[in-house]
Amino acid sequence: MQNKIEWEEGAAVTAEDIIASLKPLVDEYFVGSCKEAGETLFYTLPDGRTFSLTAKQEN
């Protein structure tokens, strides 16, 4: 079992930090390829279909 990711209180966590933290999980649990592009994570299935996950801060 992996440890949870924690950030210090008041840390400047960015959308890129969230995407970078999610990429290893997608790589581990899904068959296909995954790449980061700033605030977006692109996941491509073996059949060529591509999905994107985008992180953005809600104010």
Protein backbone atom coordinates (compact mmCIF):
# COMPACT_ATOMS: atom_id res chain seq x y z
CA MET A 1 0.00 0.00 0.00
CA GLN A 2 1.38 3.38 -1.00
CA ASN A 3 1.57 6.32 1.35
CA LYS A 4 -0.68 9.30 0.81
CA ILE A 5 0.87 12.44 -0.61
CA GLU A 6 0.88 15.28 1.89
CA TRP A 7 1.78 18.93 1.47
CA GLU A 8 2.71 21.24 4.31
CA GLU A 9 0.03 23.65 5.46
CA GLY A 10 0.24 26.81 3.38
CA ALA A 11 2.35 25.16 0.66
CA ALA A 12 1.92 26.61 -2.82
CA VAL A 13 0.51 23.49 -4.49
CA THR A 14 -0.02 23.99 -8.23
CA ALA A 15 -2.20 22.27 -10.81
CA GLU A 16 1.02 20.83 -12.23
CA ASP A 17 1.79 19.30 -8.81
CA ILE A 18 -1.58 17.57 -8.78
CA ILE A 19 -1.13 16.21 -12.33
CA ALA A 20 2.41 15.03 -11.53
CA SER A 21 1.04 13.19 -8.49
CA LEU A 22 -1.72 11.48 -10.49
CA LYS A 23 0.49 10.27 -13.38
CA PRO A 24 2.15 7.38 -11.48
CA LEU A 25 -1.28 6.11 -10.43
CA VAL A 26 -2.59 6.11 -14.00
CA ASP A 27 0.62 4.42 -15.17
CA GLU A 28 0.25 1.72 -12.51
CA TYR A 29 -3.47 0.97 -12.77
CA PHE A 30 -4.34 1.41 -16.45
CA VAL A 31 -3.07 -0.24 -19.61
CA GLY A 32 -2.04 2.35 -22.19
CA SER A 33 0.23 5.36 -22.17
CA CYS A 34 0.10 8.52 -20.15
CA LYS A 35 1.90 11.84 -20.49
CA GLU A 36 1.89 15.14 -18.63
CA ALA A 37 1.49 18.49 -20.35
CA GLY A 38 1.39 21.24 -17.75
CA GLU A 39 -2.05 21.18 -16.09
CA THR A 40 -3.27 18.28 -18.26
CA LEU A 41 -2.70 14.54 -18.14
CA PHE A 42 -3.27 12.70 -21.43
CA TYR A 43 -4.13 9.00 -21.26
CA THR A 44 -4.19 6.95 -24.46
CA LEU A 45 -5.80 3.52 -24.59
CA PRO A 46 -4.17 0.74 -26.60
CA ASP A 47 -6.90 1.19 -29.27
CA GLY A 48 -5.81 4.82 -29.80
CA ARG A 49 -8.59 6.65 -27.96
CA THR A 50 -7.25 9.52 -25.86
CA PHE A 51 -8.67 11.08 -22.72
CA SER A 52 -7.50 14.12 -20.83
CA LEU A 53 -7.66 15.09 -17.17
CA THR A 54 -7.12 18.75 -16.36
CA ALA A 55 -6.41 20.23 -12.95
CA LYS A 56 -7.40 23.77 -12.19
CA GLN A 57 -7.82 25.64 -8.97
CA GLU A 58 -11.37 26.64 -8.07
CA ASN A 59 -11.59 29.91 -6.20
